[in-house]
N, C-alpha and C. Protein backbone atom coordinates (compact mmCIF):
# COMPACT_ATOMS: atom_id res chain seq x y z
N UNK A 1 0.69 -1.38 0.03
CA UNK A 1 0.13 -0.34 -0.13
C UNK A 1 0.77 1.34 -0.17
N UNK A 2 0.58 2.08 -0.31
CA UNK A 2 1.74 3.58 -1.04
C UNK A 2 0.59 4.03 -0.40
N UNK A 3 1.16 5.50 0.73
CA UNK A 3 0.49 5.98 1.48
C UNK A 3 1.76 7.82 1.66
N UNK A 4 0.71 8.64 0.96
CA UNK A 4 1.88 8.85 0.96
C UNK A 4 1.16 10.83 1.54
N UNK A 5 2.40 11.59 2.00
CA UNK A 5 1.49 12.93 2.56
C UNK A 5 1.42 14.29 1.54
N UNK A 6 0.38 14.88 1.17
CA UNK A 6 0.41 15.83 0.39
C UNK A 6 -0.44 16.94 1.61
N UNK A 7 0.71 18.27 1.06
CA UNK A 7 -0.05 20.11 2.17
C UNK A 7 -0.81 19.92 0.85
N UNK A 8 -2.37 20.54 1.90
CA UNK A 8 -3.23 21.34 1.17
C UNK A 8 -3.40 22.39 1.47
N UNK A 9 -4.29 23.41 0.53
CA UNK A 9 -4.12 24.25 1.29
C UNK A 9 -5.76 25.08 0.77
N UNK A 10 -6.43 25.43 2.09
CA UNK A 10 -8.27 25.10 2.32
C UNK A 10 -8.77 27.02 1.73
N UNK A 11 -7.20 28.34 1.64
CA UNK A 11 -7.94 29.16 1.60
C UNK A 11 -7.93 30.11 0.49
N UNK A 12 -8.12 28.98 -0.16
CA UNK A 12 -8.98 29.25 -2.24
C UNK A 12 -10.20 29.71 -2.16
N UNK A 13 -9.86 30.93 -2.67
CA UNK A 13 -11.61 32.06 -3.56
C UNK A 13 -12.17 30.50 -4.33
N UNK A 14 -12.91 30.94 -4.86
CA UNK A 14 -14.91 29.81 -5.03
C UNK A 14 -14.25 30.64 -7.22
N UNK A 15 -14.50 30.45 -7.58
CA UNK A 15 -15.38 30.92 -9.22
C UNK A 15 -14.24 30.50 -10.08
N UNK A 16 -14.78 30.42 -11.59
CA UNK A 16 -14.08 29.30 -12.53
C UNK A 16 -12.35 30.23 -13.15
N UNK A 17 -12.84 31.36 -12.16
CA UNK A 17 -11.71 32.76 -13.43
C UNK A 17 -10.77 32.31 -11.79
N UNK A 18 -10.48 32.71 -10.65
CA UNK A 18 -9.52 32.24 -10.05
C UNK A 18 -8.95 30.05 -9.83
N UNK A 19 -9.95 29.75 -10.16
CA UNK A 19 -9.77 27.84 -10.60
C UNK A 19 -8.66 28.40 -11.70
N UNK A 20 -8.74 29.41 -12.88
CA UNK A 20 -7.57 29.50 -14.20
C UNK A 20 -5.94 30.24 -13.25
N UNK A 21 -7.14 31.34 -12.65
CA UNK A 21 -4.81 31.54 -11.51
C UNK A 21 -4.52 30.53 -11.55
N UNK A 22 -5.36 29.78 -10.31
CA UNK A 22 -4.13 28.36 -9.44
C UNK A 22 -3.30 27.58 -10.02
N UNK A 23 -4.77 26.86 -11.45
CA UNK A 23 -3.93 26.24 -12.16
C UNK A 23 -2.27 27.13 -13.29
N UNK A 24 -2.73 28.35 -13.47
CA UNK A 24 -1.73 29.15 -14.07
C UNK A 24 -0.57 29.05 -13.25
N UNK A 25 -0.76 28.95 -11.45
CA UNK A 25 -0.17 29.54 -10.61
C UNK A 25 0.63 28.02 -10.51
N UNK A 26 0.60 26.86 -10.95
CA UNK A 26 0.93 25.77 -10.22
C UNK A 26 -0.21 25.04 -9.30
N UNK A 27 -0.63 25.59 -9.28
CA UNK A 27 -2.19 24.32 -8.56
C UNK A 27 -3.01 24.28 -8.68
N UNK A 28 -3.69 23.32 -8.38
CA UNK A 28 -5.14 22.54 -8.45
C UNK A 28 -6.18 22.45 -7.84
N UNK A 29 -6.85 22.81 -7.83
CA UNK A 29 -8.32 23.05 -7.29
C UNK A 29 -8.91 22.09 -7.06
N UNK A 30 -9.56 20.91 -5.77
CA UNK A 30 -10.07 20.05 -5.52
C UNK A 30 -10.82 20.52 -4.04
N UNK A 31 -11.77 19.27 -4.16
CA UNK A 31 -12.43 19.66 -2.72
C UNK A 31 -12.59 17.98 -2.21
N UNK A 32 -12.58 18.06 -1.22
CA UNK A 32 -12.37 16.91 0.01
C UNK A 32 -14.08 16.53 0.61
N UNK A 33 -14.44 15.50 0.50
CA UNK A 33 -15.74 14.90 0.66
C UNK A 33 -15.30 13.09 0.78
N UNK A 34 -16.48 13.34 1.25
CA UNK A 34 -16.71 11.50 2.33
C UNK A 34 -18.23 11.74 3.94
N UNK A 35 -18.19 10.54 4.27
CA UNK A 35 -18.92 10.62 4.93
C UNK A 35 -18.40 10.89 6.33
N UNK A 36 -19.63 11.78 6.78
CA UNK A 36 -19.43 12.94 8.77
C UNK A 36 -17.53 13.66 7.50
N UNK A 37 -17.76 14.15 7.20
CA UNK A 37 -17.13 16.45 6.60
C UNK A 37 -17.33 15.99 5.59
N UNK A 38 -17.84 17.41 5.83
CA UNK A 38 -18.72 18.32 4.88
C UNK A 38 -17.52 18.72 4.08
N UNK A 39 -18.12 19.49 3.14
CA UNK A 39 -17.39 18.57 1.69
C UNK A 39 -16.05 20.50 2.36
N UNK A 40 -14.86 20.21 1.99
CA UNK A 40 -14.40 21.09 1.53
C UNK A 40 -13.23 21.27 0.97
N UNK A 41 -13.50 22.82 0.36
CA UNK A 41 -12.47 23.27 -0.94
C UNK A 41 -11.16 23.81 -0.61
N UNK A 42 -10.36 23.64 -1.57
CA UNK A 42 -8.84 23.35 -0.90
C UNK A 42 -7.94 23.12 -2.09
N UNK A 43 -6.64 23.46 -1.87
CA UNK A 43 -5.79 23.19 -3.52
C UNK A 43 -4.78 22.59 -2.82
N UNK A 44 -4.04 21.46 -4.21
CA UNK A 44 -2.80 20.91 -4.17
C UNK A 44 -1.81 21.14 -4.73
N UNK A 45 -0.75 21.51 -4.84
CA UNK A 45 0.24 21.58 -5.40
C UNK A 45 0.32 20.20 -6.73
N UNK A 46 0.46 21.00 -8.10
CA UNK A 46 0.04 20.01 -9.13
C UNK A 46 1.63 19.16 -9.09
N UNK A 47 2.87 19.48 -8.95
CA UNK A 47 3.92 18.76 -8.85
C UNK A 47 3.93 17.73 -7.75
N UNK A 48 3.56 18.12 -7.12
CA UNK A 48 3.31 17.51 -5.53
C UNK A 48 2.35 15.54 -5.99
N UNK A 49 1.37 16.66 -6.45
CA UNK A 49 0.04 15.75 -6.70
C UNK A 49 0.68 14.78 -7.82
N UNK A 50 1.00 15.34 -8.79
CA UNK A 50 1.99 13.98 -9.45
C UNK A 50 2.88 12.97 -9.33
N UNK A 51 3.78 13.62 -7.37
CA UNK A 51 4.08 12.23 -7.37
C UNK A 51 3.68 11.74 -6.41
N UNK A 52 2.81 12.03 -5.52
CA UNK A 52 2.73 11.75 -4.99
C UNK A 52 1.02 10.16 -5.77
N UNK A 53 1.02 10.38 -6.90
CA UNK A 53 0.65 9.13 -7.54
C UNK A 53 0.81 8.58 -8.27
N UNK A 54 3.00 8.86 -8.28
CA UNK A 54 3.21 8.18 -9.49
C UNK A 54 3.54 6.89 -9.29
N UNK A 55 3.50 6.41 -8.07
CA UNK A 55 4.18 5.08 -7.96
C UNK A 55 2.96 3.84 -8.13
N UNK A 56 3.59 2.71 -8.31
CA UNK A 56 2.62 1.35 -8.58
C UNK A 56 0.69 1.74 -9.12
N UNK A 57 0.60 2.22 -7.28
CA UNK A 57 -0.74 2.26 -7.10
C UNK A 57 -1.28 2.92 -8.17
N UNK A 58 -0.49 3.62 -7.91
CA UNK A 58 -1.11 5.42 -9.76
C UNK A 58 -2.44 5.81 -7.96
N UNK A 59 -3.62 7.18 -8.81
CA UNK A 59 -4.51 6.93 -8.03
C UNK A 59 -5.13 5.79 -7.30
N UNK A 60 -4.90 5.13 -7.07
CA UNK A 60 -5.30 3.44 -5.61
C UNK A 60 -4.50 3.94 -4.28
N UNK A 61 -3.62 5.14 -5.21
CA UNK A 61 -1.98 5.31 -3.55
C UNK A 61 -2.75 6.07 -2.78
N UNK A 62 -3.32 5.91 -1.45
CA UNK A 62 -3.56 5.93 -0.27
C UNK A 62 -2.77 7.46 0.71
N UNK A 63 -3.38 8.55 0.48
CA UNK A 63 -2.28 10.13 0.23
C UNK A 63 -3.49 10.49 1.96
N UNK A 64 -1.70 11.23 2.87
CA UNK A 64 -2.42 11.61 4.25
C UNK A 64 -2.37 13.14 3.43
N UNK A 65 -4.21 13.36 3.13
CA UNK A 65 -3.68 15.81 3.40
C UNK A 65 -4.10 16.08 3.75
N UNK A 66 -2.78 16.63 4.79
CA UNK A 66 -2.58 18.32 4.88
C UNK A 66 -3.64 19.16 5.03
N UNK A 67 -4.49 19.81 6.21
CA UNK A 67 -5.41 20.38 5.66
C UNK A 67 -5.22 21.56 6.79
N UNK A 68 -5.63 22.29 7.28
CA UNK A 68 -5.44 24.07 8.71
C UNK A 68 -5.29 22.88 9.44
N UNK A 69 -3.75 22.27 9.29
CA UNK A 69 -3.32 21.42 10.81
C UNK A 69 -3.93 19.88 11.43
N UNK A 70 -4.98 19.79 10.38
CA UNK A 70 -6.27 18.42 10.59
C UNK A 70 -5.82 17.29 9.38
N UNK A 71 -5.28 15.47 9.45
CA UNK A 71 -5.01 14.99 8.03
C UNK A 71 -5.97 14.93 7.79
N UNK A 72 -6.64 13.88 6.86
CA UNK A 72 -7.29 13.41 5.66
C UNK A 72 -6.63 12.45 5.78
N UNK A 73 -6.92 11.24 5.36
CA UNK A 73 -6.77 9.98 4.25
C UNK A 73 -7.48 9.71 3.68
N UNK A 74 -7.33 9.99 2.32
CA UNK A 74 -7.99 9.95 1.03
C UNK A 74 -7.87 9.68 0.11
N UNK A 75 -8.29 9.17 -0.86
CA UNK A 75 -7.75 9.04 -2.72
C UNK A 75 -8.44 10.06 -3.37
N UNK A 76 -7.83 10.08 -4.29
CA UNK A 76 -8.21 11.00 -5.80
C UNK A 76 -9.15 9.99 -6.24
N UNK A 77 -10.42 10.36 -6.03
CA UNK A 77 -10.90 9.67 -6.19
C UNK A 77 -11.73 10.37 -8.68
N UNK A 78 -12.04 11.23 -8.58
CA UNK A 78 -12.33 11.33 -10.18
C UNK A 78 -10.87 13.18 -9.74
N UNK A 79 -10.48 12.74 -10.97
CA UNK A 79 -9.15 13.51 -11.52
C UNK A 79 -10.16 13.96 -13.12
N UNK A 80 -10.39 15.32 -12.50
CA UNK A 80 -10.73 16.27 -14.49
C UNK A 80 -9.39 16.92 -15.38
N UNK A 81 -9.32 16.68 -16.41
CA UNK A 81 -7.95 16.57 -16.85
C UNK A 81 -8.65 17.42 -17.79
N UNK A 82 -7.52 18.95 -18.38
CA UNK A 82 -7.99 19.63 -19.59
C UNK A 82 -7.95 18.46 -20.84
N UNK A 83 -9.10 18.75 -22.02
CA UNK A 83 -9.34 18.01 -23.30
C UNK A 83 -7.80 18.40 -24.01
N UNK A 84 -7.06 19.12 -23.65
CA UNK A 84 -6.81 19.70 -25.04
C UNK A 84 -5.11 18.78 -24.23
N UNK A 85 -4.57 19.59 -23.16
CA UNK A 85 -3.36 19.52 -22.70
C UNK A 85 -3.48 18.15 -21.82
N UNK A 86 -4.46 17.08 -21.19
CA UNK A 86 -3.75 16.33 -21.26
C UNK A 86 -3.39 16.82 -19.66
N UNK A 87 -3.52 18.29 -18.54
CA UNK A 87 -3.23 18.42 -17.50
C UNK A 87 -4.52 18.11 -16.36
N UNK A 88 -3.89 18.22 -15.34
CA UNK A 88 -5.10 17.76 -14.11
C UNK A 88 -5.57 19.05 -13.97
N UNK A 89 -6.92 19.26 -14.29
CA UNK A 89 -7.71 20.94 -14.01
C UNK A 89 -8.36 20.62 -12.60
N UNK A 90 -9.06 19.68 -11.51
CA UNK A 90 -9.94 19.44 -10.67
C UNK A 90 -9.78 17.84 -10.22
N UNK A 91 -9.83 18.38 -8.82
CA UNK A 91 -8.95 16.28 -8.65
C UNK A 91 -10.38 16.18 -7.09
N UNK A 92 -11.49 15.46 -7.19
CA UNK A 92 -12.22 14.95 -5.30
C UNK A 92 -11.49 13.75 -4.92
N UNK A 93 -10.90 14.37 -3.76
CA UNK A 93 -9.77 13.61 -2.59
C UNK A 93 -11.35 13.50 -1.71
N UNK A 94 -11.67 11.16 -1.60
CA UNK A 94 -12.85 11.00 -1.06
C UNK A 94 -11.65 10.72 0.02
N UNK A 95 -12.30 11.12 1.13
CA UNK A 95 -12.49 10.61 3.20
C UNK A 95 -13.00 9.18 2.51
N UNK A 96 -11.48 8.05 3.20
CA UNK A 96 -11.69 6.93 3.29
C UNK A 96 -11.09 6.62 4.37
N UNK A 97 -11.99 5.16 5.25
CA UNK A 97 -11.18 4.48 6.13
C UNK A 97 -10.85 3.17 5.82
N UNK A 98 -9.43 3.66 6.57
CA UNK A 98 -8.56 1.86 6.20
C UNK A 98 -9.09 0.88 5.95
N UNK A 99 -9.26 1.09 7.03
CA UNK A 99 -10.53 -0.25 7.92
C UNK A 99 -11.38 -0.60 6.98
N UNK A 100 -12.01 -0.01 5.88
CA UNK A 100 -13.45 -0.49 4.99
C UNK A 100 -13.61 -0.57 3.94
N UNK A 101 -14.26 -1.36 3.20
CA UNK A 101 -13.58 -2.26 1.72
C UNK A 101 -14.02 -0.61 1.06
N UNK A 102 -13.49 -0.77 -0.08
CA UNK A 102 -14.01 0.37 -1.09
C UNK A 102 -12.96 -0.63 -2.90
N UNK A 103 -15.04 0.36 -3.54
CA UNK A 103 -14.37 0.48 -5.20
C UNK A 103 -13.59 0.79 -6.18
N UNK A 104 -12.58 0.09 -6.52
CA UNK A 104 -11.28 1.14 -6.75
C UNK A 104 -10.80 -0.37 -8.25
N UNK A 105 -10.88 0.34 -9.45
CA UNK A 105 -10.90 0.67 -10.62
C UNK A 105 -9.13 -0.61 -10.57
N UNK A 106 -8.75 -1.44 -10.96
CA UNK A 106 -7.25 -2.45 -10.60
C UNK A 106 -6.60 -2.14 -12.56
N UNK A 107 -5.67 -1.51 -12.86
CA UNK A 107 -5.52 -2.08 -14.54
C UNK A 107 -5.53 -3.76 -14.39
N UNK A 108 -5.68 -4.38 -15.42
CA UNK A 108 -5.60 -5.68 -15.80
C UNK A 108 -4.09 -5.94 -16.44
N UNK A 109 -3.19 -6.71 -16.73
CA UNK A 109 -2.08 -6.69 -17.23
C UNK A 109 -1.76 -8.39 -17.29
N UNK A 110 -1.43 -9.17 -18.60
CA UNK A 110 -1.66 -10.19 -19.76
C UNK A 110 -1.02 -10.83 -19.58
N UNK A 111 -0.82 -12.36 -19.42
CA UNK A 111 0.57 -12.57 -19.33
C UNK A 111 0.56 -14.47 -19.42
N UNK A 112 2.38 -14.31 -20.30
CA UNK A 112 2.06 -16.31 -21.12
C UNK A 112 2.10 -16.30 -22.19
N UNK A 113 1.30 -17.26 -22.86
CA UNK A 113 1.55 -17.37 -24.34
C UNK A 113 0.59 -18.11 -24.96
N UNK A 114 -1.52 -18.14 -25.27
CA UNK A 114 -1.76 -19.04 -25.58
C UNK A 114 -0.92 -19.99 -27.83
N UNK A 115 -0.32 -21.22 -26.69
CA UNK A 115 0.53 -20.74 -28.04
C UNK A 115 -0.49 -22.01 -28.45
N UNK A 116 -1.88 -23.09 -28.28
CA UNK A 116 -3.10 -23.42 -28.91
C UNK A 116 -3.89 -23.03 -30.10
N UNK A 117 -3.59 -21.71 -29.51
CA UNK A 117 -4.83 -20.46 -29.45
C UNK A 117 -3.54 -19.59 -31.47
N UNK A 118 -2.49 -19.59 -31.31
CA UNK A 118 -1.44 -19.23 -31.96
C UNK A 118 -1.72 -20.07 -33.54
N UNK A 119 -1.61 -20.67 -32.60
CA UNK A 119 -0.74 -22.32 -34.10
C UNK A 119 -2.41 -22.82 -34.53
N UNK A 120 -3.03 -21.57 -34.97
CA UNK A 120 -3.74 -22.24 -35.08
C UNK A 120 -4.22 -21.20 -35.95
N UNK A 121 -3.54 -20.38 -35.51
CA UNK A 121 -3.46 -18.77 -36.03
C UNK A 121 -4.59 -18.33 -35.73
N UNK A 122 -5.55 -18.16 -34.97
CA UNK A 122 -6.34 -17.06 -34.07
C UNK A 122 -5.73 -17.00 -33.50
N UNK A 123 -6.15 -15.72 -33.06
CA UNK A 123 -5.99 -14.20 -31.74
C UNK A 123 -6.23 -14.25 -30.75
N UNK A 124 -5.94 -13.81 -30.28
CA UNK A 124 -6.53 -12.99 -28.88
C UNK A 124 -6.77 -12.28 -28.45
N UNK A 125 -8.08 -11.28 -28.14
CA UNK A 125 -8.31 -10.48 -27.06
C UNK A 125 -8.50 -9.80 -26.22
N UNK A 126 -7.58 -8.71 -26.23
CA UNK A 126 -8.62 -8.57 -24.78
C UNK A 126 -8.99 -7.27 -24.87
N UNK A 127 -10.73 -7.80 -24.00
CA UNK A 127 -11.73 -7.69 -23.34
C UNK A 127 -11.70 -6.04 -22.72
N UNK A 128 -11.22 -6.71 -21.90
CA UNK A 128 -11.20 -5.69 -20.15
C UNK A 128 -9.28 -5.48 -19.96
N UNK A 129 -9.91 -4.89 -19.93
CA UNK A 129 -8.33 -3.20 -19.26
C UNK A 129 -8.15 -3.17 -18.15
N UNK A 130 -8.90 -2.84 -17.25
CA UNK A 130 -9.35 -2.32 -15.50
C UNK A 130 -10.25 -3.35 -15.05
N UNK A 131 -9.93 -3.85 -13.55
CA UNK A 131 -10.92 -4.32 -13.42
C UNK A 131 -11.69 -3.99 -12.22
N UNK A 132 -12.98 -2.96 -12.10
CA UNK A 132 -13.68 -3.18 -10.35
C UNK A 132 -13.63 -4.15 -10.12
N UNK A 133 -12.92 -4.00 -8.47
CA UNK A 133 -12.46 -4.50 -7.04
C UNK A 133 -12.97 -3.56 -6.13
N UNK A 134 -13.69 -4.79 -5.29
CA UNK A 134 -14.11 -3.93 -3.56
C UNK A 134 -12.93 -4.80 -2.79
N UNK A 135 -12.50 -4.05 -1.89
CA UNK A 135 -11.58 -4.20 -0.76
C UNK A 135 -10.69 -3.33 0.04
N UNK A 136 -10.07 -3.77 1.15
CA UNK A 136 -9.85 -2.44 1.36
C UNK A 136 -8.64 -1.34 1.40
N UNK A 137 -8.66 -0.68 1.73
CA UNK A 137 -6.69 -0.22 0.93
C UNK A 137 -5.98 -0.48 1.25
N UNK A 138 -5.73 -0.69 2.14
CA UNK A 138 -4.34 -1.57 1.83
C UNK A 138 -4.28 -3.10 1.39
N UNK A 139 -5.24 -3.14 0.71
CA UNK A 139 -4.83 -4.02 0.10
C UNK A 139 -5.45 -4.39 -1.23
N UNK A 140 -5.51 -3.11 -1.91
CA UNK A 140 -5.54 -2.58 -3.17
C UNK A 140 -4.59 -3.00 -4.06
N UNK A 141 -4.64 -4.37 -4.69
CA UNK A 141 -3.14 -4.92 -5.79
C UNK A 141 -2.72 -3.98 -7.09
N UNK A 142 -1.55 -3.58 -6.85
CA UNK A 142 -1.08 -2.73 -8.27
C UNK A 142 -1.57 -2.97 -9.41
N UNK A 143 -1.60 -4.11 -9.94
CA UNK A 143 -2.34 -4.51 -10.98
C UNK A 143 -3.42 -6.06 -11.06
N UNK A 144 -3.94 -6.94 -11.89
CA UNK A 144 -4.28 -8.07 -12.14
C UNK A 144 -3.43 -8.63 -12.63
N UNK A 145 -3.50 -9.99 -12.47
CA UNK A 145 -1.92 -11.27 -13.80
C UNK A 145 -3.37 -11.45 -14.35
N UNK A 146 -3.54 -12.05 -15.60
CA UNK A 146 -4.39 -12.82 -16.30
C UNK A 146 -3.68 -13.55 -17.22
N UNK A 147 -3.35 -15.08 -16.89
CA UNK A 147 -2.37 -15.81 -17.32
C UNK A 147 -2.99 -16.20 -18.44
N UNK A 148 -3.27 -16.19 -20.13
CA UNK A 148 -3.23 -17.05 -21.11
C UNK A 148 -2.43 -18.78 -21.92
N UNK A 149 -1.75 -18.99 -21.04
CA UNK A 149 -1.35 -19.84 -21.51
C UNK A 149 -2.29 -20.86 -21.67
N UNK A 150 -3.64 -21.34 -21.24
CA UNK A 150 -3.74 -23.06 -21.36
C UNK A 150 -5.06 -22.66 -22.15
N UNK A 151 -5.41 -20.83 -22.74
CA UNK A 151 -6.48 -21.05 -24.19
C UNK A 151 -6.03 -22.21 -24.94
N UNK A 152 -7.50 -22.28 -25.19
CA UNK A 152 -7.78 -22.48 -26.67
C UNK A 152 -8.62 -21.84 -27.81
N UNK A 153 -8.81 -22.72 -28.86
CA UNK A 153 -9.43 -22.72 -29.27
C UNK A 153 -10.51 -22.03 -29.11
N UNK A 154 -11.10 -20.79 -29.58
CA UNK A 154 -12.89 -20.57 -28.69
C UNK A 154 -13.48 -19.72 -28.14
N UNK A 155 -11.72 -20.52 -26.67
CA UNK A 155 -12.25 -20.20 -25.28
C UNK A 155 -12.04 -18.68 -24.87
N UNK A 156 -12.43 -18.37 -23.20
CA UNK A 156 -12.46 -17.36 -23.10
C UNK A 156 -11.75 -17.06 -21.64
N UNK A 157 -11.47 -15.88 -21.40
CA UNK A 157 -11.35 -16.52 -19.77
C UNK A 157 -11.98 -15.11 -18.68
N UNK A 158 -13.52 -15.75 -18.28
CA UNK A 158 -14.13 -14.69 -17.44
C UNK A 158 -13.73 -13.79 -16.36
N UNK A 159 -14.48 -12.83 -15.40
CA UNK A 159 -13.91 -12.41 -14.78
C UNK A 159 -14.02 -13.26 -13.15
N UNK A 160 -14.78 -14.30 -13.52
CA UNK A 160 -15.53 -15.24 -12.17
C UNK A 160 -13.84 -16.02 -12.83
N UNK A 161 -13.16 -16.37 -13.16
CA UNK A 161 -12.16 -17.37 -13.41
C UNK A 161 -11.31 -17.10 -13.18
N UNK A 162 -10.68 -15.67 -12.69
CA UNK A 162 -9.28 -15.00 -12.11
C UNK A 162 -9.10 -14.92 -10.68
N UNK A 163 -7.76 -15.48 -10.34
CA UNK A 163 -7.28 -15.86 -9.57
C UNK A 163 -6.96 -14.14 -8.57
N UNK A 164 -7.91 -13.80 -7.91
CA UNK A 164 -7.57 -13.05 -6.93
C UNK A 164 -6.44 -12.54 -5.77
N UNK A 165 -6.37 -11.44 -5.57
CA UNK A 165 -5.59 -11.68 -3.90
C UNK A 165 -6.35 -11.98 -2.91
N UNK A 166 -6.43 -12.24 -1.73
CA UNK A 166 -6.86 -12.99 -0.50
C UNK A 166 -7.44 -11.28 -0.42
N UNK A 167 -9.10 -11.00 0.28
CA UNK A 167 -9.36 -10.51 0.22
C UNK A 167 -10.34 -8.97 -0.07
N UNK A 168 -9.76 -9.88 -1.79
CA UNK A 168 -9.73 -9.32 -3.48
C UNK A 168 -10.78 -9.96 -4.26
N UNK A 169 -12.32 -9.05 -4.24
CA UNK A 169 -13.30 -9.45 -4.77
C UNK A 169 -13.57 -8.93 -5.71
N UNK A 170 -14.70 -9.53 -7.44
CA UNK A 170 -14.80 -8.12 -8.08
C UNK A 170 -16.23 -7.52 -7.83
N UNK A 171 -15.80 -6.94 -8.53
CA UNK A 171 -17.24 -5.41 -7.78
C UNK A 171 -18.12 -5.89 -8.88
N UNK A 172 -17.91 -6.41 -9.66
CA UNK A 172 -18.94 -6.66 -10.66
C UNK A 172 -19.02 -7.76 -11.61
N UNK A 173 -19.88 -7.25 -13.29
CA UNK A 173 -19.89 -8.43 -13.34
C UNK A 173 -19.16 -9.74 -13.78
N UNK A 174 -18.87 -10.54 -13.22
CA UNK A 174 -18.42 -11.44 -13.17
C UNK A 174 -18.02 -12.49 -14.50
N UNK A 175 -19.44 -12.97 -15.48
CA UNK A 175 -19.34 -12.88 -16.40
C UNK A 175 -19.13 -12.70 -17.59
N UNK A 176 -18.87 -11.70 -18.27
CA UNK A 176 -17.52 -10.69 -18.38
C UNK A 176 -16.26 -11.05 -18.79
N UNK A 177 -16.32 -12.03 -20.21
CA UNK A 177 -14.97 -12.01 -20.74
C UNK A 177 -14.14 -10.23 -20.25
N UNK A 178 -13.04 -11.10 -20.16
CA UNK A 178 -11.53 -10.80 -19.64
C UNK A 178 -10.96 -10.48 -20.68
N UNK A 179 -11.09 -11.70 -21.73
CA UNK A 179 -9.46 -12.36 -22.66
C UNK A 179 -11.01 -13.14 -23.40
N UNK A 180 -10.76 -12.79 -24.59
CA UNK A 180 -11.76 -13.95 -24.99
C UNK A 180 -10.70 -14.33 -26.84
N UNK A 181 -11.44 -15.03 -27.51
CA UNK A 181 -9.94 -15.48 -28.66
C UNK A 181 -11.65 -15.20 -30.04
N UNK A 182 -10.30 -15.06 -31.83
CA UNK A 182 -11.42 -15.38 -32.58
C UNK A 182 -10.55 -15.08 -33.56
N UNK A 183 -10.77 -15.65 -34.86
CA UNK A 183 -10.14 -15.99 -36.12
C UNK A 183 -9.34 -15.04 -36.66
N UNK A 184 -8.53 -15.39 -36.55
CA UNK A 184 -6.82 -15.04 -37.60
C UNK A 184 -7.43 -14.39 -39.49
N UNK A 185 -7.37 -13.49 -39.54
CA UNK A 185 -7.08 -13.15 -41.23
C UNK A 185 -7.06 -14.43 -41.50
N UNK A 186 -5.36 -15.70 -41.98
CA UNK A 186 -5.45 -16.62 -42.03
C UNK A 186 -6.27 -17.85 -41.61
N UNK A 187 -6.81 -17.57 -40.99
CA UNK A 187 -7.66 -19.39 -40.21
C UNK A 187 -9.17 -18.80 -41.18
N UNK A 188 -9.05 -17.31 -41.49
CA UNK A 188 -10.54 -16.39 -41.87
C UNK A 188 -10.94 -17.13 -43.42
N UNK A 189 -9.97 -17.64 -43.82
CA UNK A 189 -9.75 -17.23 -45.25
C UNK A 189 -9.14 -18.08 -45.78
N UNK A 190 -8.85 -19.53 -44.49
CA UNK A 190 -8.96 -21.08 -44.78
C UNK A 190 -6.88 -20.72 -45.81
N UNK A 191 -5.82 -20.16 -45.11
CA UNK A 191 -5.44 -19.74 -44.52
C UNK A 191 -3.92 -20.58 -43.57
N UNK A 192 -2.63 -19.93 -43.18
CA UNK A 192 -2.51 -20.92 -42.52
C UNK A 192 -1.23 -21.63 -42.58
N UNK A 193 -0.53 -22.27 -41.44
CA UNK A 193 1.29 -22.42 -40.81
C UNK A 193 0.08 -24.45 -41.92
N UNK A 194 -0.65 -24.89 -42.36
CA UNK A 194 -1.39 -25.79 -43.27
C UNK A 194 -1.99 -25.98 -43.59
N UNK A 195 -1.94 -25.28 -44.33
CA UNK A 195 -2.59 -24.69 -45.45
C UNK A 195 -2.04 -24.75 -46.75
N UNK A 196 -3.21 -26.13 -48.32
CA UNK A 196 -1.99 -25.86 -48.77
C UNK A 196 -1.93 -25.26 -50.33
N UNK A 197 -0.89 -25.26 -50.44
CA UNK A 197 -0.64 -23.69 -51.80
C UNK A 197 -1.31 -24.37 -52.42
């Protein structure tokens, strides 16, 4: 689990013009919210925020947000970006209880070689690149590995087939395919290594 401290400033003027001035000055407007917490408008340094979420857990990092002498345990739940530049324009920090489960998206990494599929001139199609899981903040995995070595022609790996770490469970539909197979161009046209000349 990543646990970093991020300094926040609470005395920021409201309004879109003031938010633009904040961004030009290297800060990001944000809001802190959560159960039992009154919404709090803050700003954080853009460079420090990038460093806070630059580890393996990315936006799933657990952050200690220090504001006006009080510490909030938060996660960056909604990060808005500029449509052209891609820079962060606003952040929603959600206050979390480290001992209570949260729902987060975790990247899906495909590993292994589907030899049987490849030899048949079929292709492996990754259909899910992130997975919603339910777990405690201290158990959020950096990624979920999907081993395709045993895939066969016409086969698929569904969410229910995944081996998730202890204390981690899928939060959505477990019948959805993570990886599927389909005929490649050579297989569709009758070509391939065993085709007649």
